[in-house]
Amino acid sequence: MIERRLIDWTAERLQLGAAADGVFTSGGSQSNLQALLIARNHAVAGLRQEPANTGLRLPALLEKLRIFTSADSHFSIQKSASMLGMGFDAVISVPCAPDHRMDPAALAEAMAETHDAGLVPMAVVATAGTTDFGAVDPLADLAALARAYGAWFHIDAAYGGGLMVSNRYRHLLDGTRLADSVTVDFHKTFFQPVSSSALLVRDRAMLQHVTYYADYLNPESAALAEIPNQVDKSIQTTRRFDALKLWLTLRIMGADAIGALFDEAIDLATRVGSVLAADDDFELAAAPELSTLVFRYRPRVSGSELAGAVSDAGGRLSEEAADALNPAIRAAVFASGQAVVAGTKVAGRHYLKVTLLNAEATLEDIREIIELLRRTGAQLLANTATTGASA
């Protein structure tokens, strides 16, 4: 009962309509897998109705299908395609604009080329909160393109799903009502313990694409009698009671209070972004959209022993030297036990990354980490200079 109530509550927040339904899952990867499984089976059912496909076996039909998603989307999209028998190559990576949102013009071109080649645009996967930059794709524009080609429109809002309870940033999720399915991770921006995720679909009938009746577990007669059984909707059989966490949090705090926590995390990221952008020792890869910051330590250096590491007129550390230095900073800080900082790559270059999801963290707390990164980087550079001089 609790799980079904929370699915209804989430669907209403996402404006998916009265026919919506869904199920709790183990996490965003499973939610995305189930969404694409439904999309695949829905597309295959349509292909089987076409006379040109009469007699074709499933592998031949799967070879026709393509999934479109941004270059910055979650890796689970490629993994899902592989597990669904389509292969990694079935996923077409669509370029992003400079703001790291999927470029609708690039998607339109890719879908047209696919269609003209006799292939089938099976699904468009938009991201509402990319892992590195927190970017939210232009959902309404992408939905229109998906509809034009009869493709399933899935929104991966594992990270950005908490915007549905935001008091000030809810508008970033405008367009979710156009989705065929949506992934939400409550164990991210709803601050729940792992694991607590859900997949929502706009039309509950689509969940039949993952239903299989077994007389010893979920007989069809029980479904016809409308006896609730969550295994009819899930790709898991044994599951934990993950809905209880969110239920208790909402009962105790209320949705507005959760939204206020996420708003504070977003605001803190904005303030930290301004600090990093004004600091000559650091480079910010992009202005923060939600609560992640991607940056690197790339100071100005001087001294003949580091001359080979200087790349520009301003005397900044070269790209190559920065690529070696930033992973070393990350490793040294981790080994010190003082902080844990993540890492990623942007255009092939090494960067540091922090994701702020503690609403009680202050700007001073993060400044301390920035100073730790600076001191560590400076010491590593000094050690390099000393080693170079000795050699």
Protein backbone atom coordinates (compact mmCIF):
# COMPACT_ATOMS: atom_id res chain seq x y z
CA MET A 1 0.00 0.00 0.00
CA ILE A 2 2.77 2.43 0.98
CA GLU A 3 4.74 1.77 -2.21
CA ARG A 4 1.68 2.26 -4.41
CA ARG A 5 0.70 5.45 -2.60
CA LEU A 6 4.20 6.86 -3.07
CA ILE A 7 4.20 5.93 -6.76
CA ASP A 8 0.92 7.81 -7.17
CA TRP A 9 2.33 10.79 -5.25
CA THR A 10 5.47 10.87 -7.39
CA ALA A 11 3.51 10.53 -10.63
CA GLU A 12 1.32 13.47 -9.61
CA ARG A 13 4.39 15.58 -8.82
CA LEU A 14 5.81 14.73 -12.25
CA GLN A 15 2.44 15.53 -13.89
CA LEU A 16 2.33 12.15 -15.65
CA GLY A 17 -1.47 11.95 -15.59
CA ALA A 18 -4.15 9.73 -14.09
CA ALA A 19 -3.08 6.61 -16.03
CA ALA A 20 0.44 6.64 -14.59
CA ASP A 21 1.94 3.84 -12.52
CA GLY A 22 5.33 2.51 -11.53
CA VAL A 23 7.39 0.45 -9.12
CA PHE A 24 10.28 0.89 -6.72
CA THR A 25 13.67 -0.42 -7.88
CA SER A 26 17.16 -0.92 -6.51
CA GLY A 27 18.56 2.21 -8.18
CA GLY A 28 18.81 4.36 -11.26
CA SER A 29 20.60 1.72 -13.32
CA GLN A 30 17.79 -0.78 -12.76
CA SER A 31 15.14 1.86 -13.39
CA ASN A 32 16.79 2.78 -16.70
CA LEU A 33 17.13 -0.89 -17.64
CA GLN A 34 13.45 -1.54 -16.99
CA ALA A 35 12.41 1.58 -18.91
CA LEU A 36 14.43 0.50 -21.94
CA LEU A 37 13.17 -3.08 -21.62
CA ILE A 38 9.62 -1.74 -21.83
CA ALA A 39 10.59 0.53 -24.73
CA ARG A 40 12.27 -2.35 -26.55
CA ASN A 41 9.33 -4.72 -26.13
CA HIS A 42 6.91 -1.99 -27.16
CA ALA A 43 8.95 -1.28 -30.30
CA VAL A 44 9.27 -4.98 -31.16
CA ALA A 45 5.52 -5.44 -30.80
CA GLY A 46 5.04 -2.63 -33.30
CA LEU A 47 7.58 -4.05 -35.74
CA ARG A 48 5.88 -7.45 -35.70
CA GLN A 49 2.75 -5.78 -37.07
CA GLU A 50 4.55 -4.63 -40.21
CA PRO A 51 4.26 -6.99 -43.21
CA ALA A 52 7.91 -6.39 -44.16
CA ASN A 53 8.98 -8.02 -40.89
CA THR A 54 6.91 -11.18 -41.24
CA GLY A 55 8.97 -14.19 -40.27
CA LEU A 56 11.85 -12.21 -38.80
CA ARG A 57 13.17 -13.57 -35.53
CA LEU A 58 13.86 -11.36 -32.52
CA PRO A 59 17.62 -10.85 -33.15
CA ALA A 60 16.88 -9.51 -36.62
CA LEU A 61 14.32 -7.08 -35.21
CA LEU A 62 16.67 -5.90 -32.47
CA GLU A 63 19.33 -5.06 -35.05
CA LYS A 64 17.00 -2.36 -36.40
CA LEU A 65 16.54 -0.52 -33.09
CA ARG A 66 18.47 2.56 -31.95
CA ILE A 67 18.56 4.55 -28.69
CA PHE A 68 19.50 8.24 -28.63
CA THR A 69 21.02 9.87 -25.57
CA SER A 70 23.43 12.70 -24.83
CA ALA A 71 27.20 12.33 -24.69
CA ASP A 72 26.95 13.21 -20.97
CA SER A 73 24.25 10.68 -20.06
CA HIS A 74 24.67 7.85 -17.55
CA PHE A 75 26.64 4.77 -18.55
CA SER A 76 23.68 2.55 -17.63
CA ILE A 77 22.08 3.41 -20.97
CA GLN A 78 24.87 1.62 -22.85
CA LYS A 79 24.90 -1.25 -20.35
CA SER A 80 21.14 -1.65 -20.66
CA ALA A 81 21.34 -1.81 -24.46
CA SER A 82 23.94 -4.55 -24.16
CA MET A 83 21.89 -6.57 -21.67
CA LEU A 84 18.80 -6.20 -23.85
CA GLY A 85 20.53 -7.93 -26.76
CA MET A 86 21.00 -4.77 -28.80
CA GLY A 87 24.69 -4.14 -28.13
CA PHE A 88 26.56 -0.99 -27.19
CA ASP A 89 26.48 0.21 -30.80
CA ALA A 90 22.70 0.54 -30.65
CA VAL A 91 23.16 3.65 -28.51
CA ILE A 92 23.79 6.81 -30.54
CA SER A 93 25.61 9.47 -28.55
CA VAL A 94 24.20 12.92 -29.31
CA PRO A 95 26.49 15.96 -28.85
CA CYS A 96 25.77 18.50 -26.15
CA ALA A 97 25.69 22.27 -26.35
CA PRO A 98 28.33 24.23 -24.41
CA ASP A 99 26.03 24.13 -21.36
CA HIS A 100 26.23 20.29 -21.40
CA ARG A 101 22.57 19.87 -22.36
CA MET A 102 21.67 17.65 -25.28
CA ASP A 103 21.55 19.64 -28.51
CA PRO A 104 18.05 19.25 -30.08
CA ALA A 105 19.39 20.13 -33.55
CA ALA A 106 22.01 17.39 -33.26
CA LEU A 107 19.34 14.93 -32.10
CA ALA A 108 17.09 15.84 -35.03
CA GLU A 109 19.95 15.23 -37.46
CA ALA A 110 20.90 11.90 -35.85
CA MET A 111 17.31 10.64 -35.86
CA ALA A 112 16.80 11.65 -39.49
CA GLU A 113 19.97 9.83 -40.54
CA THR A 114 18.90 6.74 -38.63
CA HIS A 115 15.43 6.75 -40.17
CA ASP A 116 16.82 7.29 -43.68
CA ALA A 117 19.15 4.31 -43.20
CA GLY A 118 16.13 2.07 -42.63
CA LEU A 119 16.69 1.78 -38.89
CA VAL A 120 14.15 2.42 -36.13
CA PRO A 121 14.52 5.20 -33.51
CA MET A 122 13.38 3.13 -30.53
CA ALA A 123 13.91 5.59 -27.69
CA VAL A 124 15.20 9.01 -26.76
CA VAL A 125 16.72 9.17 -23.28
CA ALA A 126 16.91 12.66 -21.81
CA THR A 127 18.78 13.41 -18.61
CA ALA A 128 17.46 15.63 -15.85
CA GLY A 129 20.66 16.13 -13.88
CA THR A 130 23.75 14.68 -15.54
CA THR A 131 26.21 12.94 -13.24
CA ASP A 132 29.09 15.36 -13.80
CA PHE A 133 27.43 18.72 -14.43
CA GLY A 134 23.86 18.38 -13.16
CA ALA A 135 22.64 19.60 -16.55
CA VAL A 136 18.95 19.20 -17.38
CA ASP A 137 18.30 18.51 -21.06
CA PRO A 138 15.67 20.60 -22.90
CA LEU A 139 12.93 18.10 -22.12
CA ALA A 140 10.03 19.54 -24.13
CA ASP A 141 12.13 19.93 -27.30
CA LEU A 142 13.43 16.38 -27.06
CA ALA A 143 9.95 15.03 -26.37
CA ALA A 144 8.67 16.63 -29.57
CA LEU A 145 11.42 14.96 -31.60
CA ALA A 146 10.73 11.59 -30.00
CA ARG A 147 7.03 11.89 -30.82
CA ALA A 148 7.79 12.84 -34.43
CA TYR A 149 9.51 9.48 -34.93
CA GLY A 150 7.24 7.41 -32.71
CA ALA A 151 10.09 6.81 -30.26
CA TRP A 152 9.74 6.13 -26.56
CA PHE A 153 10.70 9.19 -24.47
CA HIS A 154 12.45 8.34 -21.22
CA ILE A 155 13.77 10.87 -18.70
CA ASP A 156 16.60 9.80 -16.42
CA ALA A 157 15.95 12.06 -13.43
CA ALA A 158 17.89 9.90 -10.99
CA TYR A 159 19.83 12.97 -9.83
CA GLY A 160 17.45 15.81 -10.64
CA GLY A 161 14.26 14.13 -9.46
CA GLY A 162 14.40 16.03 -6.18
CA LEU A 163 13.52 19.16 -8.15
CA MET A 164 9.90 18.01 -8.04
CA VAL A 165 9.74 19.19 -4.40
CA SER A 166 12.01 22.22 -4.84
CA ASN A 167 10.57 25.53 -3.76
CA ARG A 168 12.62 27.56 -6.26
CA TYR A 169 13.96 25.31 -8.99
CA ARG A 170 10.95 23.13 -9.84
CA HIS A 171 10.71 24.76 -13.28
CA LEU A 172 13.85 22.90 -14.37
CA LEU A 173 11.72 19.74 -14.57
CA ASP A 174 9.13 21.29 -16.88
CA GLY A 175 8.45 18.72 -19.58
CA THR A 176 8.30 15.58 -17.45
CA ARG A 177 4.58 15.34 -18.20
CA LEU A 178 5.58 14.50 -21.78
CA ALA A 179 7.66 11.47 -20.79
CA ASP A 180 6.69 7.87 -21.40
CA SER A 181 8.81 6.90 -18.39
CA VAL A 182 10.88 8.60 -15.70
CA THR A 183 13.64 7.38 -13.38
CA VAL A 184 13.85 8.92 -9.91
CA ASP A 185 16.43 8.09 -7.22
CA PHE A 186 15.08 9.02 -3.83
CA HIS A 187 18.46 8.05 -2.36
CA LYS A 188 20.02 11.04 -4.07
CA THR A 189 18.24 14.38 -3.91
CA PHE A 190 15.55 13.17 -1.52
CA PHE A 191 18.38 12.33 0.92
CA GLN A 192 17.23 8.76 1.58
CA PRO A 193 19.59 5.91 2.53
CA VAL A 194 20.56 3.53 -0.28
CA SER A 195 18.61 2.05 -1.88
CA SER A 196 15.42 3.84 -2.83
CA SER A 197 14.60 4.40 -6.49
CA ALA A 198 11.57 4.18 -8.72
CA LEU A 199 10.50 3.89 -12.33
CA LEU A 200 7.34 5.73 -13.36
CA VAL A 201 5.41 5.18 -16.61
CA ARG A 202 2.77 7.51 -18.05
CA ASP A 203 0.57 4.59 -19.18
CA ARG A 204 0.26 1.75 -16.69
CA ALA A 205 -0.58 -0.65 -19.51
CA MET A 206 3.06 -0.43 -20.63
CA LEU A 207 4.12 -2.31 -17.50
CA GLN A 208 2.58 -5.41 -19.11
CA HIS A 209 5.72 -5.56 -21.24
CA VAL A 210 7.61 -6.88 -18.20
CA THR A 211 4.84 -9.06 -16.74
CA TYR A 212 5.12 -12.84 -16.68
CA TYR A 213 2.57 -14.95 -14.81
CA ALA A 214 3.61 -17.98 -12.78
CA ASP A 215 0.95 -20.11 -11.12
CA TYR A 216 3.06 -20.61 -7.99
CA LEU A 217 3.72 -16.89 -7.48
CA ASN A 218 1.52 -14.47 -9.41
CA PRO A 219 -1.17 -16.35 -11.31
CA GLU A 220 -3.01 -14.46 -14.01
CA SER A 221 -6.29 -15.18 -12.21
CA ALA A 222 -5.08 -13.04 -9.30
CA ALA A 223 -4.31 -10.16 -11.65
CA LEU A 224 -7.75 -10.45 -13.24
CA ALA A 225 -9.22 -10.32 -9.74
CA GLU A 226 -7.17 -7.15 -9.12
CA ILE A 227 -5.28 -8.69 -6.21
CA PRO A 228 -2.18 -6.50 -5.75
CA ASN A 229 1.16 -8.13 -6.50
CA GLN A 230 4.15 -5.90 -7.14
CA VAL A 231 6.05 -8.65 -8.96
CA ASP A 232 3.67 -8.06 -11.90
CA LYS A 233 5.37 -4.67 -12.35
CA SER A 234 8.93 -5.41 -11.33
CA ILE A 235 11.95 -7.12 -12.87
CA GLN A 236 12.90 -8.09 -9.31
CA THR A 237 11.08 -10.78 -7.37
CA THR A 238 12.64 -10.54 -3.92
CA ARG A 239 12.75 -6.87 -2.93
CA ARG A 240 13.37 -4.78 0.17
CA PHE A 241 10.78 -2.44 1.63
CA ASP A 242 12.57 0.61 0.25
CA ALA A 243 9.42 2.72 0.10
CA LEU A 244 9.23 2.86 3.90
CA LYS A 245 12.16 5.30 4.13
CA LEU A 246 10.56 7.88 1.90
CA TRP A 247 7.16 7.39 3.52
CA LEU A 248 8.56 8.15 6.98
CA THR A 249 10.56 11.14 5.74
CA LEU A 250 7.53 12.68 4.06
CA ARG A 251 5.34 12.02 7.10
CA ILE A 252 7.85 13.59 9.47
CA MET A 253 9.28 16.45 7.37
CA GLY A 254 6.91 17.05 4.49
CA ALA A 255 7.78 17.60 0.84
CA ASP A 256 8.52 21.32 1.21
CA ALA A 257 11.18 20.69 3.84
CA ILE A 258 12.92 18.13 1.60
CA GLY A 259 12.79 20.63 -1.24
CA ALA A 260 14.32 23.29 0.96
CA LEU A 261 17.27 20.99 1.71
CA PHE A 262 17.90 20.46 -1.99
CA ASP A 263 17.54 24.19 -2.67
CA GLU A 264 20.21 24.86 -0.06
CA ALA A 265 22.56 22.31 -1.68
CA ILE A 266 22.04 23.99 -5.07
CA ASP A 267 22.64 27.43 -3.58
CA LEU A 268 25.81 26.24 -1.84
CA ALA A 269 27.12 24.84 -5.13
CA THR A 270 26.48 28.21 -6.77
CA ARG A 271 28.41 30.00 -4.03
CA VAL A 272 31.31 27.54 -4.23
CA GLY A 273 31.30 27.90 -8.01
CA SER A 274 31.75 31.66 -7.64
CA VAL A 275 34.67 31.12 -5.26
CA LEU A 276 36.40 28.75 -7.66
CA ALA A 277 35.75 30.96 -10.70
CA ALA A 278 37.46 33.88 -8.93
CA ASP A 279 40.47 31.84 -7.79
CA ASP A 280 43.51 31.99 -10.11
CA ASP A 281 44.73 28.59 -8.92
CA PHE A 282 41.63 26.74 -10.10
CA GLU A 283 39.67 26.33 -13.33
CA LEU A 284 35.93 25.66 -13.26
CA ALA A 285 34.84 23.38 -16.10
CA ALA A 286 31.30 24.83 -16.15
CA ALA A 287 29.00 26.83 -13.95
CA PRO A 288 27.09 24.49 -11.61
CA GLU A 289 23.52 23.63 -12.55
CA LEU A 290 22.47 21.54 -9.55
CA SER A 291 24.90 20.59 -6.77
CA THR A 292 27.99 19.26 -8.55
CA LEU A 293 31.18 21.17 -9.28
CA VAL A 294 33.82 20.07 -11.78
CA PHE A 295 37.12 21.91 -11.55
CA ARG A 296 40.88 21.41 -11.52
CA TYR A 297 43.97 22.81 -9.86
CA ARG A 298 45.97 24.57 -12.56
CA PRO A 299 47.97 27.40 -10.98
CA ARG A 300 50.39 29.82 -12.49
CA VAL A 301 53.92 28.56 -11.98
CA SER A 302 57.37 30.09 -12.22
CA GLY A 303 60.96 28.98 -11.99
CA SER A 304 63.23 27.39 -14.53
CA GLU A 305 62.70 23.95 -13.03
CA LEU A 306 59.04 24.12 -14.09
CA ALA A 307 59.55 25.94 -17.36
CA GLY A 308 58.53 22.89 -19.35
CA ALA A 309 55.25 22.76 -17.48
CA VAL A 310 54.17 26.29 -18.46
CA SER A 311 51.89 26.40 -21.48
CA ASP A 312 50.47 29.89 -21.92
CA ALA A 313 51.41 33.55 -21.71
CA GLY A 314 49.87 33.75 -18.26
CA GLY A 315 52.26 31.09 -17.00
CA ARG A 316 49.66 28.46 -16.20
CA LEU A 317 50.54 24.83 -15.72
CA SER A 318 50.37 22.95 -19.02
CA GLU A 319 47.42 20.71 -19.83
CA GLU A 320 49.68 17.64 -19.64
CA ALA A 321 51.12 18.63 -16.27
CA ALA A 322 47.63 19.39 -14.93
CA ASP A 323 46.48 15.97 -16.14
CA ALA A 324 49.21 14.32 -14.07
CA LEU A 325 48.80 16.60 -11.06
CA ASN A 326 45.05 16.49 -10.40
CA PRO A 327 44.70 12.69 -10.02
CA ALA A 328 47.75 12.83 -7.74
CA ILE A 329 46.05 15.52 -5.61
CA ARG A 330 42.95 13.40 -5.36
CA ALA A 331 44.93 10.31 -4.29
CA ALA A 332 46.97 12.25 -1.73
CA VAL A 333 43.91 13.88 -0.17
CA PHE A 334 42.15 10.52 0.04
CA ALA A 335 45.21 8.92 1.65
CA SER A 336 45.34 11.73 4.21
CA GLY A 337 41.87 10.83 5.46
CA GLN A 338 40.83 14.48 5.53
CA ALA A 339 38.45 14.50 2.58
CA VAL A 340 37.17 12.43 -0.33
CA VAL A 341 37.07 14.21 -3.68
CA ALA A 342 35.84 12.53 -6.84
CA GLY A 343 37.36 12.75 -10.29
CA THR A 344 36.19 12.78 -13.89
CA LYS A 345 37.33 13.70 -17.38
CA VAL A 346 36.17 16.60 -19.53
CA ALA A 347 37.22 16.50 -23.19
CA GLY A 348 39.81 13.91 -22.21
CA ARG A 349 41.35 16.04 -19.46
CA HIS A 350 41.46 15.13 -15.75
CA TYR A 351 39.31 17.16 -13.37
CA LEU A 352 38.26 17.01 -9.74
CA LYS A 353 34.61 16.83 -8.76
CA VAL A 354 32.51 17.35 -5.66
CA THR A 355 28.80 16.66 -5.26
CA LEU A 356 27.19 18.66 -2.47
CA LEU A 357 24.24 16.87 -0.89
CA ASN A 358 24.57 17.82 2.76
CA ALA A 359 22.34 20.79 3.48
CA GLU A 360 24.19 21.45 6.75
CA ALA A 361 27.51 21.96 4.96
CA THR A 362 28.62 25.58 4.90
CA LEU A 363 30.68 27.62 2.48
CA GLU A 364 33.49 27.61 5.03
CA ASP A 365 33.42 23.81 5.15
CA ILE A 366 33.96 23.65 1.42
CA ARG A 367 36.56 26.42 1.51
CA GLU A 368 38.58 24.23 3.87
CA ILE A 369 38.52 21.42 1.30
CA ILE A 370 39.53 23.83 -1.46
CA GLU A 371 42.47 25.01 0.65
CA LEU A 372 43.42 21.38 1.32
CA LEU A 373 43.45 20.75 -2.42
CA ARG A 374 45.54 23.88 -2.98
CA ARG A 375 48.11 22.96 -0.31
CA THR A 376 48.35 19.41 -1.56
CA GLY A 377 48.78 20.54 -5.16
CA ALA A 378 51.41 23.10 -4.23
CA GLN A 379 53.37 20.50 -2.24
CA LEU A 380 53.25 18.01 -5.09
CA LEU A 381 54.49 20.70 -7.48
CA ALA A 382 57.28 21.62 -5.07
CA ASN A 383 58.29 17.97 -4.83
CA THR A 384 58.35 17.79 -8.63
CA ALA A 385 60.52 20.89 -8.81
CA THR A 386 62.91 19.50 -6.20
CA THR A 387 63.15 16.17 -8.00
CA GLY A 388 63.74 17.94 -11.31
CA ALA A 389 66.47 20.12 -9.83
CA SER A 390 68.18 17.11 -8.28
CA ALA A 391 68.11 15.25 -11.57
